[in-house]
Amino acid sequence: MYDTYAWVQYFLGTDKGLRVRALLKEEGGYTPSIVLAEISRKYLRDGVNPEIVRKRLLFIEAMTEIVNLTVEDRFKSWRNIFGASTTLEKGKGENVESS
């Protein structure tokens, strides 16, 4: 799964971006839909020509499957990164109810 940072590095052509390029060729992958909004915002705020931004977004769409992530997806991702036995810090995330 490619996040905003990965795509920015890709378009900058950094060493990390070259790794992203290799992974794309080897495996393809997924990009969360929110990344398209974040990429758009970053580049337009930085003054990049809107047509270039559009081409980059179309490139991302062509190279990866765009996915919508649910809360459950994010939680599973967090558990994969930090481990099933990891607990939240006391007071953070406990007894929080939505408004």
C-alpha atoms as a PDB file:
ATOM      1  CA  MET A   1       0.000   0.000   0.000  1.00  0.00           C
ATOM      2  CA  TYR A   2       1.453   3.330  -1.085  1.00  0.00           C
ATOM      3  CA  ASP A   3       0.896   6.417   1.033  1.00  0.00           C
ATOM      4  CA  THR A   4       1.357  10.092   0.204  1.00  0.00           C
ATOM      5  CA  TYR A   5       4.978  10.080   1.338  1.00  0.00           C
ATOM      6  CA  ALA A   6       5.801   7.180  -0.982  1.00  0.00           C
ATOM      7  CA  TRP A   7       4.296   8.943  -3.989  1.00  0.00           C
ATOM      8  CA  VAL A   8       6.013  12.252  -3.218  1.00  0.00           C
ATOM      9  CA  GLN A   9       9.336  10.409  -2.991  1.00  0.00           C
ATOM     10  CA  TYR A  10       8.556   8.657  -6.270  1.00  0.00           C
ATOM     11  CA  PHE A  11       7.880  11.925  -8.093  1.00  0.00           C
ATOM     12  CA  LEU A  12      10.986  13.541  -6.560  1.00  0.00           C
ATOM     13  CA  GLY A  13      13.117  10.639  -7.808  1.00  0.00           C
ATOM     14  CA  THR A  14      14.809  10.078  -4.450  1.00  0.00           C
ATOM     15  CA  ASP A  15      16.418   6.791  -3.387  1.00  0.00           C
ATOM     16  CA  LYS A  16      13.196   5.916  -1.564  1.00  0.00           C
ATOM     17  CA  GLY A  17      11.271   6.882  -4.678  1.00  0.00           C
ATOM     18  CA  LEU A  18      13.385   4.483  -6.714  1.00  0.00           C
ATOM     19  CA  ARG A  19      12.435   1.737  -4.259  1.00  0.00           C
ATOM     20  CA  VAL A  20       8.765   2.635  -4.783  1.00  0.00           C
ATOM     21  CA  ARG A  21       9.343   2.411  -8.527  1.00  0.00           C
ATOM     22  CA  ALA A  22      10.847  -1.060  -8.187  1.00  0.00           C
ATOM     23  CA  LEU A  23       7.970  -2.219  -5.989  1.00  0.00           C
ATOM     24  CA  LEU A  24       5.430  -0.898  -8.469  1.00  0.00           C
ATOM     25  CA  LYS A  25       7.058  -2.893 -11.266  1.00  0.00           C
ATOM     26  CA  GLU A  26       7.326  -6.041  -9.151  1.00  0.00           C
ATOM     27  CA  GLU A  27       4.055  -6.014  -7.275  1.00  0.00           C
ATOM     28  CA  GLY A  28       1.719  -3.185  -8.253  1.00  0.00           C
ATOM     29  CA  GLY A  29      -0.270  -2.434  -5.143  1.00  0.00           C
ATOM     30  CA  TYR A  30      -2.900  -0.228  -3.609  1.00  0.00           C
ATOM     31  CA  THR A  31      -3.274   3.484  -2.917  1.00  0.00           C
ATOM     32  CA  PRO A  32      -5.869   4.761  -0.445  1.00  0.00           C
ATOM     33  CA  SER A  33      -8.242   7.238  -2.089  1.00  0.00           C
ATOM     34  CA  ILE A  34      -7.364   9.927   0.481  1.00  0.00           C
ATOM     35  CA  VAL A  35      -3.824   9.941  -0.942  1.00  0.00           C
ATOM     36  CA  LEU A  36      -5.164  11.425  -4.185  1.00  0.00           C
ATOM     37  CA  ALA A  37      -6.615  14.349  -2.230  1.00  0.00           C
ATOM     38  CA  GLU A  38      -3.421  14.792  -0.223  1.00  0.00           C
ATOM     39  CA  ILE A  39      -1.242  14.718  -3.346  1.00  0.00           C
ATOM     40  CA  SER A  40      -3.517  17.237  -5.081  1.00  0.00           C
ATOM     41  CA  ARG A  41      -3.472  19.573  -2.115  1.00  0.00           C
ATOM     42  CA  LYS A  42       0.292  19.382  -1.658  1.00  0.00           C
ATOM     43  CA  TYR A  43       1.209  20.017  -5.270  1.00  0.00           C
ATOM     44  CA  LEU A  44      -1.392  22.723  -5.903  1.00  0.00           C
ATOM     45  CA  ARG A  45      -0.353  24.488  -2.689  1.00  0.00           C
ATOM     46  CA  ASP A  46       3.267  24.257  -3.898  1.00  0.00           C
ATOM     47  CA  GLY A  47       2.273  25.949  -7.164  1.00  0.00           C
ATOM     48  CA  VAL A  48       2.598  22.937  -9.458  1.00  0.00           C
ATOM     49  CA  ASN A  49       0.706  23.327 -12.726  1.00  0.00           C
ATOM     50  CA  PRO A  50      -2.766  21.741 -12.316  1.00  0.00           C
ATOM     51  CA  GLU A  51      -2.302  19.726 -15.512  1.00  0.00           C
ATOM     52  CA  ILE A  52       0.862  18.139 -14.100  1.00  0.00           C
ATOM     53  CA  VAL A  53      -1.028  17.340 -10.888  1.00  0.00           C
ATOM     54  CA  ARG A  54      -3.799  15.745 -12.951  1.00  0.00           C
ATOM     55  CA  LYS A  55      -1.282  13.631 -14.881  1.00  0.00           C
ATOM     56  CA  ARG A  56       0.332  12.444 -11.651  1.00  0.00           C
ATOM     57  CA  LEU A  57      -3.037  11.455 -10.209  1.00  0.00           C
ATOM     58  CA  LEU A  58      -3.901   9.557 -13.392  1.00  0.00           C
ATOM     59  CA  PHE A  59      -0.518   7.842 -13.207  1.00  0.00           C
ATOM     60  CA  ILE A  60      -1.187   6.741  -9.613  1.00  0.00           C
ATOM     61  CA  GLU A  61      -4.590   5.460 -10.695  1.00  0.00           C
ATOM     62  CA  ALA A  62      -3.059   3.537 -13.605  1.00  0.00           C
ATOM     63  CA  MET A  63      -0.263   1.988 -11.536  1.00  0.00           C
ATOM     64  CA  THR A  64      -2.227   0.952  -8.440  1.00  0.00           C
ATOM     65  CA  GLU A  65      -5.703   0.025  -7.369  1.00  0.00           C
ATOM     66  CA  ILE A  66      -7.391   2.924  -5.569  1.00  0.00           C
ATOM     67  CA  VAL A  67      -9.054   1.720  -2.378  1.00  0.00           C
ATOM     68  CA  ASN A  68     -11.311   3.244   0.250  1.00  0.00           C
ATOM     69  CA  LEU A  69     -10.195   2.374   3.758  1.00  0.00           C
ATOM     70  CA  THR A  70     -12.596   1.782   6.608  1.00  0.00           C
ATOM     71  CA  VAL A  71     -11.910   2.241  10.298  1.00  0.00           C
ATOM     72  CA  GLU A  72     -11.532  -1.532  10.554  1.00  0.00           C
ATOM     73  CA  ASP A  73      -8.919  -1.504   7.768  1.00  0.00           C
ATOM     74  CA  ARG A  74      -6.910   1.125   9.622  1.00  0.00           C
ATOM     75  CA  PHE A  75      -7.162  -0.797  12.870  1.00  0.00           C
ATOM     76  CA  LYS A  76      -5.941  -3.990  11.186  1.00  0.00           C
ATOM     77  CA  SER A  77      -3.069  -2.038   9.667  1.00  0.00           C
ATOM     78  CA  TRP A  78      -2.147  -0.600  13.050  1.00  0.00           C
ATOM     79  CA  ARG A  79      -2.203  -4.083  14.590  1.00  0.00           C
ATOM     80  CA  ASN A  80       0.036  -5.397  11.793  1.00  0.00           C
ATOM     81  CA  ILE A  81       2.561  -2.632  12.396  1.00  0.00           C
ATOM     82  CA  PHE A  82       2.581  -2.607  16.191  1.00  0.00           C
ATOM     83  CA  GLY A  83       1.566  -6.190  16.950  1.00  0.00           C
ATOM     84  CA  ALA A  84      -1.521  -7.803  18.354  1.00  0.00           C
ATOM     85  CA  SER A  85      -0.236  -7.610  21.922  1.00  0.00           C
ATOM     86  CA  THR A  86       0.412  -3.875  21.805  1.00  0.00           C
ATOM     87  CA  THR A  87      -1.953  -1.800  23.917  1.00  0.00           C
ATOM     88  CA  LEU A  88      -2.833   1.844  23.638  1.00  0.00           C
ATOM     89  CA  GLU A  89      -1.132   4.241  26.009  1.00  0.00           C
ATOM     90  CA  LYS A  90      -3.259   4.780  29.072  1.00  0.00           C
ATOM     91  CA  GLY A  91      -5.711   7.596  28.510  1.00  0.00           C
ATOM     92  CA  LYS A  92      -5.293   7.675  24.753  1.00  0.00           C
ATOM     93  CA  GLY A  93      -8.149   6.195  22.813  1.00  0.00           C
ATOM     94  CA  GLU A  94      -9.906   4.735  25.833  1.00  0.00           C
ATOM     95  CA  ASN A  95     -13.563   5.436  26.516  1.00  0.00           C
ATOM     96  CA  VAL A  96     -13.867   7.786  23.571  1.00  0.00           C
ATOM     97  CA  GLU A  97     -17.346   8.028  22.168  1.00  0.00           C
ATOM     98  CA  SER A  98     -18.300   9.635  18.883  1.00  0.00           C
ATOM     99  CA  SER A  99     -20.418  12.742  19.042  1.00  0.00           C
END
